[in-house]
PDB file of N, CA and C in Angstrom:
ATOM      1  N   UNK A   1       0.886  -1.126  -0.361  1.00  0.00           N
ATOM      2  CA  UNK A   1      -0.066  -0.475  -0.016  1.00  0.00           C
ATOM      3  C   UNK A   1       0.848   1.196   0.048  1.00  0.00           C
ATOM      4  N   UNK A   2       0.603   2.137  -0.756  1.00  0.00           N
ATOM      5  CA  UNK A   2       1.424   3.818  -0.858  1.00  0.00           C
ATOM      6  C   UNK A   2       0.866   4.357   0.626  1.00  0.00           C
ATOM      7  N   UNK A   3       1.579   5.322   1.048  1.00  0.00           N
ATOM      8  CA  UNK A   3       1.772   6.252   2.081  1.00  0.00           C
ATOM      9  C   UNK A   3       0.193   6.808   2.051  1.00  0.00           C
ATOM     10  N   UNK A   4      -0.420   7.391   0.755  1.00  0.00           N
ATOM     11  CA  UNK A   4      -1.462   7.899   0.813  1.00  0.00           C
ATOM     12  C   UNK A   4      -2.827   7.511   1.228  1.00  0.00           C
ATOM     13  N   UNK A   5      -2.429   5.435   1.056  1.00  0.00           N
ATOM     14  CA  UNK A   5      -3.537   4.880   1.562  1.00  0.00           C
ATOM     15  C   UNK A   5      -3.144   4.789   3.104  1.00  0.00           C
ATOM     16  N   UNK A   6      -2.452   4.670   3.572  1.00  0.00           N
ATOM     17  CA  UNK A   6      -2.052   4.534   5.015  1.00  0.00           C
ATOM     18  C   UNK A   6      -3.104   5.580   5.934  1.00  0.00           C
ATOM     19  N   UNK A   7      -2.102   6.996   5.262  1.00  0.00           N
ATOM     20  CA  UNK A   7      -2.813   7.969   5.865  1.00  0.00           C
ATOM     21  C   UNK A   7      -4.502   8.374   5.803  1.00  0.00           C
ATOM     22  N   UNK A   8      -5.194   7.655   4.988  1.00  0.00           N
ATOM     23  CA  UNK A   8      -6.699   7.578   4.229  1.00  0.00           C
ATOM     24  C   UNK A   8      -7.586   6.845   5.701  1.00  0.00           C
ATOM     25  N   UNK A   9      -6.438   5.930   6.318  1.00  0.00           N
ATOM     26  CA  UNK A   9      -6.774   4.605   7.310  1.00  0.00           C
ATOM     27  C   UNK A   9      -6.619   5.208   8.424  1.00  0.00           C
ATOM     28  N   UNK A  10      -5.545   6.658   8.563  1.00  0.00           N
ATOM     29  CA  UNK A  10      -5.460   7.132   9.758  1.00  0.00           C
ATOM     30  C   UNK A  10      -6.329   8.427   9.968  1.00  0.00           C
ATOM     31  N   UNK A  11      -6.888   8.940   9.063  1.00  0.00           N
ATOM     32  CA  UNK A  11      -8.218   9.848   8.637  1.00  0.00           C
ATOM     33  C   UNK A  11      -9.223   8.974   9.048  1.00  0.00           C
ATOM     34  N   UNK A  12      -9.541   7.932   8.727  1.00  0.00           N
ATOM     35  CA  UNK A  12     -10.679   7.374   9.325  1.00  0.00           C
ATOM     36  C   UNK A  12     -10.866   7.025  10.471  1.00  0.00           C
ATOM     37  N   UNK A  13     -10.095   6.312  11.088  1.00  0.00           N
ATOM     38  CA  UNK A  13      -9.640   5.803  12.397  1.00  0.00           C
ATOM     39  C   UNK A  13      -9.679   7.435  13.410  1.00  0.00           C
ATOM     40  N   UNK A  14      -9.466   8.399  13.230  1.00  0.00           N
ATOM     41  CA  UNK A  14      -9.231   9.510  13.792  1.00  0.00           C
ATOM     42  C   UNK A  14     -10.762  10.577  13.733  1.00  0.00           C
ATOM     43  N   UNK A  15     -11.669  10.070  12.312  1.00  0.00           N
ATOM     44  CA  UNK A  15     -13.185  10.165  12.296  1.00  0.00           C
ATOM     45  C   UNK A  15     -13.904   9.642  13.456  1.00  0.00           C
ATOM     46  N   UNK A  16     -13.452   8.241  13.279  1.00  0.00           N
ATOM     47  CA  UNK A  16     -14.195   7.477  14.219  1.00  0.00           C
ATOM     48  C   UNK A  16     -14.245   7.705  15.553  1.00  0.00           C
ATOM     49  N   UNK A  17     -12.805   7.773  15.934  1.00  0.00           N
ATOM     50  CA  UNK A  17     -12.378   8.801  17.780  1.00  0.00           C
ATOM     51  C   UNK A  17     -13.069   9.870  17.881  1.00  0.00           C
ATOM     52  N   UNK A  18     -13.264  10.238  17.025  1.00  0.00           N
ATOM     53  CA  UNK A  18     -13.796  11.719  17.189  1.00  0.00           C
ATOM     54  C   UNK A  18     -15.849  11.461  17.695  1.00  0.00           C
ATOM     55  N   UNK A  19     -16.205  10.822  16.668  1.00  0.00           N
ATOM     56  CA  UNK A  19     -17.465  10.112  16.663  1.00  0.00           C
ATOM     57  C   UNK A  19     -17.660   9.926  18.157  1.00  0.00           C
ATOM     58  N   UNK A  20     -16.812   9.022  18.450  1.00  0.00           N
ATOM     59  CA  UNK A  20     -17.321   8.102  19.681  1.00  0.00           C
ATOM     60  C   UNK A  20     -16.902   8.581  21.055  1.00  0.00           C
ATOM     61  N   UNK A  21     -16.054  10.062  20.741  1.00  0.00           N
ATOM     62  CA  UNK A  21     -15.732  11.181  21.943  1.00  0.00           C
ATOM     63  C   UNK A  21     -17.218  11.942  22.067  1.00  0.00           C
ATOM     64  N   UNK A  22     -17.660  12.209  20.642  1.00  0.00           N
ATOM     65  CA  UNK A  22     -18.918  13.447  20.828  1.00  0.00           C
ATOM     66  C   UNK A  22     -19.998  12.304  20.711  1.00  0.00           C
ATOM     67  N   UNK A  23     -20.313  10.940  20.994  1.00  0.00           N
ATOM     68  CA  UNK A  23     -21.165  10.183  21.041  1.00  0.00           C
ATOM     69  C   UNK A  23     -21.288  10.231  22.794  1.00  0.00           C
ATOM     70  N   UNK A  24     -19.950   9.749  23.345  1.00  0.00           N
ATOM     71  CA  UNK A  24     -20.140   9.245  25.006  1.00  0.00           C
ATOM     72  C   UNK A  24     -20.320  11.150  25.320  1.00  0.00           C
ATOM     73  N   UNK A  25     -20.082  12.173  25.157  1.00  0.00           N
ATOM     74  CA  UNK A  25     -20.731  13.443  25.947  1.00  0.00           C
ATOM     75  C   UNK A  25     -22.126  14.045  25.250  1.00  0.00           C
ATOM     76  N   UNK A  26     -22.495  13.405  24.662  1.00  0.00           N
ATOM     77  CA  UNK A  26     -24.265  13.563  24.102  1.00  0.00           C
ATOM     78  C   UNK A  26     -24.733  12.685  24.964  1.00  0.00           C
ATOM     79  N   UNK A  27     -24.458  11.642  25.239  1.00  0.00           N
ATOM     80  CA  UNK A  27     -25.004  10.594  26.425  1.00  0.00           C
ATOM     81  C   UNK A  27     -24.965  11.752  27.862  1.00  0.00           C
ATOM     82  N   UNK A  28     -23.371  12.141  28.125  1.00  0.00           N
ATOM     83  CA  UNK A  28     -23.795  12.044  29.287  1.00  0.00           C
ATOM     84  C   UNK A  28     -24.701  13.111  29.611  1.00  0.00           C
ATOM     85  N   UNK A  29     -24.388  13.932  28.679  1.00  0.00           N
ATOM     86  CA  UNK A  29     -25.482  15.575  28.655  1.00  0.00           C
ATOM     87  C   UNK A  29     -26.404  15.398  28.988  1.00  0.00           C
ATOM     88  N   UNK A  30     -27.228  13.921  28.215  1.00  0.00           N
ATOM     89  CA  UNK A  30     -28.255  13.829  28.281  1.00  0.00           C
ATOM     90  C   UNK A  30     -28.613  13.056  29.680  1.00  0.00           C
ATOM     91  N   UNK A  31     -27.728  12.527  30.193  1.00  0.00           N
ATOM     92  CA  UNK A  31     -28.058  11.874  31.680  1.00  0.00           C
ATOM     93  C   UNK A  31     -28.114  12.675  32.839  1.00  0.00           C
ATOM     94  N   UNK A  32     -27.238  13.977  32.177  1.00  0.00           N
ATOM     95  CA  UNK A  32     -26.879  15.012  33.271  1.00  0.00           C
ATOM     96  C   UNK A  32     -28.703  16.029  33.838  1.00  0.00           C
ATOM     97  N   UNK A  33     -29.328  16.074  32.353  1.00  0.00           N
ATOM     98  CA  UNK A  33     -30.043  16.964  32.122  1.00  0.00           C
ATOM     99  C   UNK A  33     -31.859  15.929  32.456  1.00  0.00           C
ATOM    100  N   UNK A  34     -31.283  14.434  32.225  1.00  0.00           N
ATOM    101  CA  UNK A  34     -32.544  13.803  33.123  1.00  0.00           C
ATOM    102  C   UNK A  34     -32.424  13.162  34.166  1.00  0.00           C
ATOM    103  N   UNK A  35     -31.173  14.000  35.140  1.00  0.00           N
ATOM    104  CA  UNK A  35     -31.287  13.893  36.222  1.00  0.00           C
ATOM    105  C   UNK A  35     -31.995  14.897  36.908  1.00  0.00           C
ATOM    106  N   UNK A  36     -31.620  16.594  36.574  1.00  0.00           N
ATOM    107  CA  UNK A  36     -32.026  17.416  37.127  1.00  0.00           C
ATOM    108  C   UNK A  36     -33.753  17.594  36.521  1.00  0.00           C
ATOM    109  N   UNK A  37     -33.896  16.880  35.365  1.00  0.00           N
ATOM    110  CA  UNK A  37     -35.760  16.417  35.224  1.00  0.00           C
ATOM    111  C   UNK A  37     -36.740  16.126  36.383  1.00  0.00           C
ATOM    112  N   UNK A  38     -35.907  14.837  36.500  1.00  0.00           N
ATOM    113  CA  UNK A  38     -36.689  13.841  37.535  1.00  0.00           C
ATOM    114  C   UNK A  38     -36.068  14.836  38.723  1.00  0.00           C
ATOM    115  N   UNK A  39     -35.401  15.479  39.328  1.00  0.00           N
ATOM    116  CA  UNK A  39     -35.004  15.606  40.341  1.00  0.00           C
ATOM    117  C   UNK A  39     -35.996  17.107  40.424  1.00  0.00           C
ATOM    118  N   UNK A  40     -36.518  17.855  39.663  1.00  0.00           N
ATOM    119  CA  UNK A  40     -37.541  19.256  39.460  1.00  0.00           C
ATOM    120  C   UNK A  40     -38.872  18.037  39.527  1.00  0.00           C
ATOM    121  N   UNK A  41     -38.936  16.826  38.944  1.00  0.00           N
ATOM    122  CA  UNK A  41     -40.371  16.452  38.499  1.00  0.00           C
ATOM    123  C   UNK A  41     -40.651  15.838  40.713  1.00  0.00           C
ATOM    124  N   UNK A  42     -39.739  15.274  40.923  1.00  0.00           N
ATOM    125  CA  UNK A  42     -39.977  15.052  42.721  1.00  0.00           C
ATOM    126  C   UNK A  42     -39.709  16.211  43.137  1.00  0.00           C
ATOM    127  N   UNK A  43     -39.433  17.199  43.167  1.00  0.00           N
ATOM    128  CA  UNK A  43     -39.938  18.142  44.295  1.00  0.00           C
ATOM    129  C   UNK A  43     -41.364  18.581  44.039  1.00  0.00           C
ATOM    130  N   UNK A  44     -41.455  19.043  42.548  1.00  0.00           N
ATOM    131  CA  UNK A  44     -42.690  19.420  42.258  1.00  0.00           C
ATOM    132  C   UNK A  44     -43.801  18.196  42.896  1.00  0.00           C
ATOM    133  N   UNK A  45     -43.595  17.160  42.703  1.00  0.00           N
ATOM    134  CA  UNK A  45     -44.607  15.483  43.189  1.00  0.00           C
ATOM    135  C   UNK A  45     -44.409  15.540  44.871  1.00  0.00           C
ATOM    136  N   UNK A  46     -43.648  15.971  45.600  1.00  0.00           N
ATOM    137  CA  UNK A  46     -43.608  16.338  47.052  1.00  0.00           C
ATOM    138  C   UNK A  46     -44.284  17.367  47.381  1.00  0.00           C
ATOM    139  N   UNK A  47     -44.289  18.824  46.760  1.00  0.00           N
ATOM    140  CA  UNK A  47     -44.909  19.934  47.128  1.00  0.00           C
ATOM    141  C   UNK A  47     -46.692  19.271  47.249  1.00  0.00           C
ATOM    142  N   UNK A  48     -47.039  18.629  45.951  1.00  0.00           N
ATOM    143  CA  UNK A  48     -48.382  18.374  45.482  1.00  0.00           C
ATOM    144  C   UNK A  48     -48.923  17.067  46.415  1.00  0.00           C
ATOM    145  N   UNK A  49     -48.316  16.339  46.555  1.00  0.00           N
ATOM    146  CA  UNK A  49     -48.459  15.297  48.137  1.00  0.00           C
ATOM    147  C   UNK A  49     -48.578  16.368  49.411  1.00  0.00           C
ATOM    148  N   UNK A  50     -47.713  16.938  49.662  1.00  0.00           N
ATOM    149  CA  UNK A  50     -47.644  17.913  50.871  1.00  0.00           C
ATOM    150  C   UNK A  50     -49.461  18.843  50.890  1.00  0.00           C
ATOM    151  N   UNK A  51     -49.506  19.052  50.068  1.00  0.00           N
ATOM    152  CA  UNK A  51     -50.135  19.988  49.720  1.00  0.00           C
ATOM    153  C   UNK A  51     -52.103  18.947  50.125  1.00  0.00           C
ATOM    154  N   UNK A  52     -51.605  17.469  48.983  1.00  0.00           N
ATOM    155  CA  UNK A  52     -52.811  16.885  49.183  1.00  0.00           C
ATOM    156  C   UNK A  52     -52.943  16.361  50.647  1.00  0.00           C
ATOM    157  N   UNK A  53     -52.124  15.975  51.239  1.00  0.00           N
ATOM    158  CA  UNK A  53     -52.113  15.457  53.074  1.00  0.00           C
ATOM    159  C   UNK A  53     -52.776  16.237  54.039  1.00  0.00           C
ATOM    160  N   UNK A  54     -52.408  17.855  53.345  1.00  0.00           N
ATOM    161  CA  UNK A  54     -53.280  19.028  54.360  1.00  0.00           C
ATOM    162  C   UNK A  54     -54.452  18.886  54.158  1.00  0.00           C
ATOM    163  N   UNK A  55     -54.880  18.924  52.809  1.00  0.00           N
ATOM    164  CA  UNK A  55     -56.110  19.178  52.535  1.00  0.00           C
ATOM    165  C   UNK A  55     -56.743  18.003  52.781  1.00  0.00           C
ATOM    166  N   UNK A  56     -56.362  16.747  53.102  1.00  0.00           N
ATOM    167  CA  UNK A  56     -56.795  15.313  53.491  1.00  0.00           C
ATOM    168  C   UNK A  56     -57.215  15.663  55.211  1.00  0.00           C
ATOM    169  N   UNK A  57     -55.534  16.267  56.149  1.00  0.00           N
ATOM    170  CA  UNK A  57     -56.094  16.727  57.392  1.00  0.00           C
ATOM    171  C   UNK A  57     -56.991  17.402  57.638  1.00  0.00           C
ATOM    172  N   UNK A  58     -57.184  18.434  56.551  1.00  0.00           N
ATOM    173  CA  UNK A  58     -58.716  19.736  56.947  1.00  0.00           C
ATOM    174  C   UNK A  58     -60.068  18.711  56.974  1.00  0.00           C
ATOM    175  N   UNK A  59     -59.950  17.848  55.708  1.00  0.00           N
ATOM    176  CA  UNK A  59     -61.493  17.313  55.763  1.00  0.00           C
ATOM    177  C   UNK A  59     -61.996  16.264  56.695  1.00  0.00           C
ATOM    178  N   UNK A  60     -60.243  15.749  57.101  1.00  0.00           N
ATOM    179  CA  UNK A  60     -60.502  14.524  58.120  1.00  0.00           C
ATOM    180  C   UNK A  60     -61.347  15.060  59.597  1.00  0.00           C
ATOM    181  N   UNK A  61     -60.483  16.323  59.889  1.00  0.00           N
ATOM    182  CA  UNK A  61     -60.753  17.077  61.471  1.00  0.00           C
ATOM    183  C   UNK A  61     -61.954  17.689  61.277  1.00  0.00           C
ATOM    184  N   UNK A  62     -62.073  17.996  59.533  1.00  0.00           N
ATOM    185  CA  UNK A  62     -63.289  18.377  59.879  1.00  0.00           C
ATOM    186  C   UNK A  62     -64.368  17.648  60.228  1.00  0.00           C
ATOM    187  N   UNK A  63     -64.448  16.306  59.893  1.00  0.00           N
ATOM    188  CA  UNK A  63     -65.274  15.222  59.245  1.00  0.00           C
ATOM    189  C   UNK A  63     -65.623  14.969  61.268  1.00  0.00           C
ATOM    190  N   UNK A  64     -64.713  14.647  61.698  1.00  0.00           N
ATOM    191  CA  UNK A  64     -64.141  14.002  62.674  1.00  0.00           C
ATOM    192  C   UNK A  64     -65.126  15.299  64.213  1.00  0.00           C
ATOM    193  N   UNK A  65     -64.752  16.710  63.875  1.00  0.00           N
ATOM    194  CA  UNK A  65     -65.170  17.908  64.585  1.00  0.00           C
ATOM    195  C   UNK A  65     -67.040  17.874  64.411  1.00  0.00           C
ATOM    196  N   UNK A  66     -67.654  17.753  63.366  1.00  0.00           N
ATOM    197  CA  UNK A  66     -68.978  17.267  62.862  1.00  0.00           C
ATOM    198  C   UNK A  66     -69.508  16.149  63.688  1.00  0.00           C
ATOM    199  N   UNK A  67     -68.941  15.303  64.258  1.00  0.00           N
ATOM    200  CA  UNK A  67     -69.519  14.308  64.613  1.00  0.00           C
ATOM    201  C   UNK A  67     -70.377  13.466  63.758  1.00  0.00           C
ATOM    202  N   UNK A  68     -69.796  13.014  62.579  1.00  0.00           N
ATOM    203  CA  UNK A  68     -70.482  12.265  61.858  1.00  0.00           C
ATOM    204  C   UNK A  68     -69.260  10.756  61.475  1.00  0.00           C
ATOM    205  N   UNK A  69     -70.225   9.800  61.723  1.00  0.00           N
ATOM    206  CA  UNK A  69     -69.618   8.220  61.757  1.00  0.00           C
ATOM    207  C   UNK A  69     -69.858   7.922  60.374  1.00  0.00           C
ATOM    208  N   UNK A  70     -68.807   7.227  59.779  1.00  0.00           N
ATOM    209  CA  UNK A  70     -68.708   6.151  58.710  1.00  0.00           C
ATOM    210  C   UNK A  70     -69.106   4.461  59.320  1.00  0.00           C
ATOM    211  N   UNK A  71     -70.711   4.497  58.573  1.00  0.00           N
ATOM    212  CA  UNK A  71     -71.257   2.773  58.756  1.00  0.00           C
ATOM    213  C   UNK A  71     -70.311   1.986  58.236  1.00  0.00           C
ATOM    214  N   UNK A  72     -69.800   0.748  58.686  1.00  0.00           N
ATOM    215  CA  UNK A  72     -69.401  -0.284  57.887  1.00  0.00           C
ATOM    216  C   UNK A  72     -69.313  -0.958  56.647  1.00  0.00           C
ATOM    217  N   UNK A  73     -70.519  -0.771  56.354  1.00  0.00           N
ATOM    218  CA  UNK A  73     -71.493  -1.106  54.825  1.00  0.00           C
ATOM    219  C   UNK A  73     -71.082   0.870  53.759  1.00  0.00           C
ATOM    220  N   UNK A  74     -70.011   1.735  54.245  1.00  0.00           N
ATOM    221  CA  UNK A  74     -70.397   2.653  53.430  1.00  0.00           C
ATOM    222  C   UNK A  74     -68.885   1.846  53.067  1.00  0.00           C
ATOM    223  N   UNK A  75     -68.767   1.822  51.598  1.00  0.00           N
ATOM    224  CA  UNK A  75     -67.362   1.428  50.901  1.00  0.00           C
ATOM    225  C   UNK A  75     -66.575   2.800  50.947  1.00  0.00           C
ATOM    226  N   UNK A  76     -66.721   3.897  51.072  1.00  0.00           N
ATOM    227  CA  UNK A  76     -65.858   5.296  51.564  1.00  0.00           C
ATOM    228  C   UNK A  76     -65.415   5.267  52.269  1.00  0.00           C
ATOM    229  N   UNK A  77     -65.599   4.124  53.559  1.00  0.00           N
ATOM    230  CA  UNK A  77     -64.926   4.265  55.227  1.00  0.00           C
ATOM    231  C   UNK A  77     -63.770   3.863  55.102  1.00  0.00           C
ATOM    232  N   UNK A  78     -63.407   2.900  53.907  1.00  0.00           N
ATOM    233  CA  UNK A  78     -62.201   2.530  53.595  1.00  0.00           C
ATOM    234  C   UNK A  78     -61.093   3.111  53.625  1.00  0.00           C
TER     235      UNK A  78
END
């Protein structure tokens, strides 16, 4: 093989190396973005759950203070 053919292989392997590094960086960036999105979602979910729990506490307190008792046959009492 001539020298120019060998240089072509070198350029080809260099291109594959560059693409490999670019793909790895792309995957790392996507992973970091996913982690931050998941953390943001969990923060919103926790705030929503706390609000829902507080409303449920208020409802239970209101119901217990009004003296309403649930019967065992009521499916909503579980």
